[in-house]
Amino acid sequence: MEASDGRKAMRSAWLWAAFAVALGAAVLLSRMSSAPAAAGRALNQAIGRGEGVAPVSREACPDSHPIKGNVNQNGERIYHVPAGAFYLQTNPEVCFATREGAQAAGFRTSRR
């Protein structure tokens, strides 16, 4: 009987470990999926109010709206001006004609 009890305990431990891994994966996935959702909402809200337009490609904004806006992993809305340190490496999610338009859409300036 003792061997059977040992197997039950081992099986129970494995089930709890599998549950913990699954729970951790679910939490991680929910956090990962919230940033794209926030970016989509930011884009829709900015375009809906007439403050922003969609990018022309993954890396570029139209010439008429050169300011790049994106949402970071923490959900912060940030805009990048052409002279900014991260402008060239930023992939825009929404583009703005002016800083005022970006700010009106709830974006803050990049800190660099």
C-alpha atoms as a PDB file:
ATOM      1  CA  MET A   1       0.000   0.000   0.000  1.00  0.00           C
ATOM      2  CA  GLU A   2       2.816   2.408   0.695  1.00  0.00           C
ATOM      3  CA  ALA A   3       4.030   2.270  -2.931  1.00  0.00           C
ATOM      4  CA  SER A   4       0.528   3.078  -4.123  1.00  0.00           C
ATOM      5  CA  ASP A   5       0.344   6.059  -1.774  1.00  0.00           C
ATOM      6  CA  GLY A   6       3.702   7.252  -3.074  1.00  0.00           C
ATOM      7  CA  ARG A   7       2.467   7.091  -6.674  1.00  0.00           C
ATOM      8  CA  LYS A   8      -0.685   9.004  -5.764  1.00  0.00           C
ATOM      9  CA  ALA A   9       1.365  11.696  -4.087  1.00  0.00           C
ATOM     10  CA  MET A  10       3.691  11.882  -7.102  1.00  0.00           C
ATOM     11  CA  ARG A  11       0.726  12.112  -9.501  1.00  0.00           C
ATOM     12  CA  SER A  12      -0.825  14.829  -7.365  1.00  0.00           C
ATOM     13  CA  ALA A  13       2.442  16.782  -7.338  1.00  0.00           C
ATOM     14  CA  TRP A  14       2.700  16.542 -11.138  1.00  0.00           C
ATOM     15  CA  LEU A  15      -0.887  17.706 -11.574  1.00  0.00           C
ATOM     16  CA  TRP A  16      -0.270  20.725  -9.350  1.00  0.00           C
ATOM     17  CA  ALA A  17       2.914  21.534 -11.262  1.00  0.00           C
ATOM     18  CA  ALA A  18       1.083  21.296 -14.605  1.00  0.00           C
ATOM     19  CA  PHE A  19      -1.664  23.536 -13.250  1.00  0.00           C
ATOM     20  CA  ALA A  20       0.878  26.114 -12.068  1.00  0.00           C
ATOM     21  CA  VAL A  21       2.603  26.134 -15.471  1.00  0.00           C
ATOM     22  CA  ALA A  22      -0.723  26.510 -17.280  1.00  0.00           C
ATOM     23  CA  LEU A  23      -1.778  29.338 -14.967  1.00  0.00           C
ATOM     24  CA  GLY A  24       1.542  31.133 -15.479  1.00  0.00           C
ATOM     25  CA  ALA A  25       1.236  30.784 -19.249  1.00  0.00           C
ATOM     26  CA  ALA A  26      -2.313  32.165 -19.156  1.00  0.00           C
ATOM     27  CA  VAL A  27      -1.190  35.208 -17.155  1.00  0.00           C
ATOM     28  CA  LEU A  28       1.759  35.795 -19.493  1.00  0.00           C
ATOM     29  CA  LEU A  29      -0.418  35.523 -22.598  1.00  0.00           C
ATOM     30  CA  SER A  30      -3.004  37.919 -21.191  1.00  0.00           C
ATOM     31  CA  ARG A  31      -0.288  40.483 -20.498  1.00  0.00           C
ATOM     32  CA  MET A  32       1.227  40.034 -23.946  1.00  0.00           C
ATOM     33  CA  SER A  33      -2.098  40.430 -25.708  1.00  0.00           C
ATOM     34  CA  SER A  34      -3.048  43.645 -23.887  1.00  0.00           C
ATOM     35  CA  ALA A  35      -0.375  45.810 -25.561  1.00  0.00           C
ATOM     36  CA  PRO A  36      -1.557  45.137 -29.148  1.00  0.00           C
ATOM     37  CA  ALA A  37      -5.143  45.704 -28.040  1.00  0.00           C
ATOM     38  CA  ALA A  38      -4.160  49.046 -26.497  1.00  0.00           C
ATOM     39  CA  ALA A  39      -2.316  49.994 -29.690  1.00  0.00           C
ATOM     40  CA  GLY A  40      -5.369  49.161 -31.775  1.00  0.00           C
ATOM     41  CA  ARG A  41      -7.613  51.231 -29.529  1.00  0.00           C
ATOM     42  CA  ALA A  42      -5.181  54.166 -29.652  1.00  0.00           C
ATOM     43  CA  LEU A  43      -5.084  54.034 -33.437  1.00  0.00           C
ATOM     44  CA  ASN A  44      -8.857  53.830 -33.772  1.00  0.00           C
ATOM     45  CA  GLN A  45      -9.447  56.661 -31.307  1.00  0.00           C
ATOM     46  CA  ALA A  46      -6.861  58.970 -32.904  1.00  0.00           C
ATOM     47  CA  ILE A  47      -8.147  58.345 -36.424  1.00  0.00           C
ATOM     48  CA  GLY A  48     -11.765  58.602 -35.308  1.00  0.00           C
ATOM     49  CA  ARG A  49     -11.153  62.066 -33.864  1.00  0.00           C
ATOM     50  CA  GLY A  50      -9.308  63.155 -36.991  1.00  0.00           C
ATOM     51  CA  GLU A  51      -6.018  63.616 -35.147  1.00  0.00           C
ATOM     52  CA  GLY A  52      -4.068  60.784 -36.739  1.00  0.00           C
ATOM     53  CA  VAL A  53      -3.787  58.588 -39.800  1.00  0.00           C
ATOM     54  CA  ALA A  54      -2.614  55.042 -40.390  1.00  0.00           C
ATOM     55  CA  PRO A  55       1.057  54.466 -41.325  1.00  0.00           C
ATOM     56  CA  VAL A  56       1.881  53.874 -45.002  1.00  0.00           C
ATOM     57  CA  SER A  57       4.111  50.905 -44.112  1.00  0.00           C
ATOM     58  CA  ARG A  58       5.449  49.076 -41.080  1.00  0.00           C
ATOM     59  CA  GLU A  59       8.225  51.666 -40.688  1.00  0.00           C
ATOM     60  CA  ALA A  60       6.885  54.877 -42.232  1.00  0.00           C
ATOM     61  CA  CYS A  61       4.295  57.595 -41.864  1.00  0.00           C
ATOM     62  CA  PRO A  62       2.961  59.646 -44.764  1.00  0.00           C
ATOM     63  CA  ASP A  63       4.865  62.866 -45.499  1.00  0.00           C
ATOM     64  CA  SER A  64       1.831  64.884 -44.409  1.00  0.00           C
ATOM     65  CA  HIS A  65       1.866  63.216 -40.944  1.00  0.00           C
ATOM     66  CA  PRO A  66       5.541  62.592 -40.044  1.00  0.00           C
ATOM     67  CA  ILE A  67       5.151  62.163 -36.268  1.00  0.00           C
ATOM     68  CA  LYS A  68       5.118  58.490 -35.245  1.00  0.00           C
ATOM     69  CA  GLY A  69       2.875  57.339 -32.428  1.00  0.00           C
ATOM     70  CA  ASN A  70       3.015  53.967 -30.731  1.00  0.00           C
ATOM     71  CA  VAL A  71       1.963  52.235 -27.515  1.00  0.00           C
ATOM     72  CA  ASN A  72       4.661  50.598 -25.403  1.00  0.00           C
ATOM     73  CA  GLN A  73       4.344  47.333 -23.461  1.00  0.00           C
ATOM     74  CA  ASN A  74       3.033  49.256 -20.444  1.00  0.00           C
ATOM     75  CA  GLY A  75       0.225  50.810 -22.467  1.00  0.00           C
ATOM     76  CA  GLU A  76       1.809  54.276 -22.570  1.00  0.00           C
ATOM     77  CA  ARG A  77       1.055  56.265 -25.714  1.00  0.00           C
ATOM     78  CA  ILE A  78       4.280  57.837 -26.984  1.00  0.00           C
ATOM     79  CA  TYR A  79       4.999  60.000 -30.027  1.00  0.00           C
ATOM     80  CA  HIS A  80       8.338  60.413 -31.788  1.00  0.00           C
ATOM     81  CA  VAL A  81       9.341  63.461 -33.835  1.00  0.00           C
ATOM     82  CA  PRO A  82      11.686  63.177 -36.852  1.00  0.00           C
ATOM     83  CA  ALA A  83      14.619  64.672 -34.920  1.00  0.00           C
ATOM     84  CA  GLY A  84      14.122  62.277 -31.963  1.00  0.00           C
ATOM     85  CA  ALA A  85      16.669  59.663 -30.929  1.00  0.00           C
ATOM     86  CA  PHE A  86      14.331  56.700 -31.524  1.00  0.00           C
ATOM     87  CA  TYR A  87      12.479  58.011 -34.574  1.00  0.00           C
ATOM     88  CA  LEU A  88      14.160  55.811 -37.183  1.00  0.00           C
ATOM     89  CA  GLN A  89      13.797  52.610 -35.173  1.00  0.00           C
ATOM     90  CA  THR A  90      10.171  53.261 -34.178  1.00  0.00           C
ATOM     91  CA  ASN A  91       7.446  51.375 -36.023  1.00  0.00           C
ATOM     92  CA  PRO A  92       4.406  53.666 -35.998  1.00  0.00           C
ATOM     93  CA  GLU A  93       0.945  52.495 -35.072  1.00  0.00           C
ATOM     94  CA  VAL A  94      -0.574  55.896 -35.836  1.00  0.00           C
ATOM     95  CA  CYS A  95       0.845  59.030 -37.485  1.00  0.00           C
ATOM     96  CA  PHE A  96       0.258  62.685 -36.629  1.00  0.00           C
ATOM     97  CA  ALA A  97       0.703  65.951 -38.490  1.00  0.00           C
ATOM     98  CA  THR A  98       1.526  67.962 -35.363  1.00  0.00           C
ATOM     99  CA  ARG A  99       2.657  67.508 -31.784  1.00  0.00           C
ATOM    100  CA  GLU A 100      -0.604  69.089 -30.690  1.00  0.00           C
ATOM    101  CA  GLY A 101      -2.562  66.426 -32.557  1.00  0.00           C
ATOM    102  CA  ALA A 102      -0.566  63.679 -30.874  1.00  0.00           C
ATOM    103  CA  GLN A 103      -1.077  65.249 -27.454  1.00  0.00           C
ATOM    104  CA  ALA A 104      -4.804  65.708 -28.097  1.00  0.00           C
ATOM    105  CA  ALA A 105      -4.979  61.966 -28.834  1.00  0.00           C
ATOM    106  CA  GLY A 106      -3.417  61.232 -25.432  1.00  0.00           C
ATOM    107  CA  PHE A 107       0.187  60.650 -26.525  1.00  0.00           C
ATOM    108  CA  ARG A 108       3.206  62.011 -24.670  1.00  0.00           C
ATOM    109  CA  THR A 109       6.530  62.936 -26.204  1.00  0.00           C
ATOM    110  CA  SER A 110       9.385  60.445 -26.205  1.00  0.00           C
ATOM    111  CA  ARG A 111      11.828  61.143 -23.404  1.00  0.00           C
ATOM    112  CA  ARG A 112      14.757  61.096 -25.865  1.00  0.00           C
END
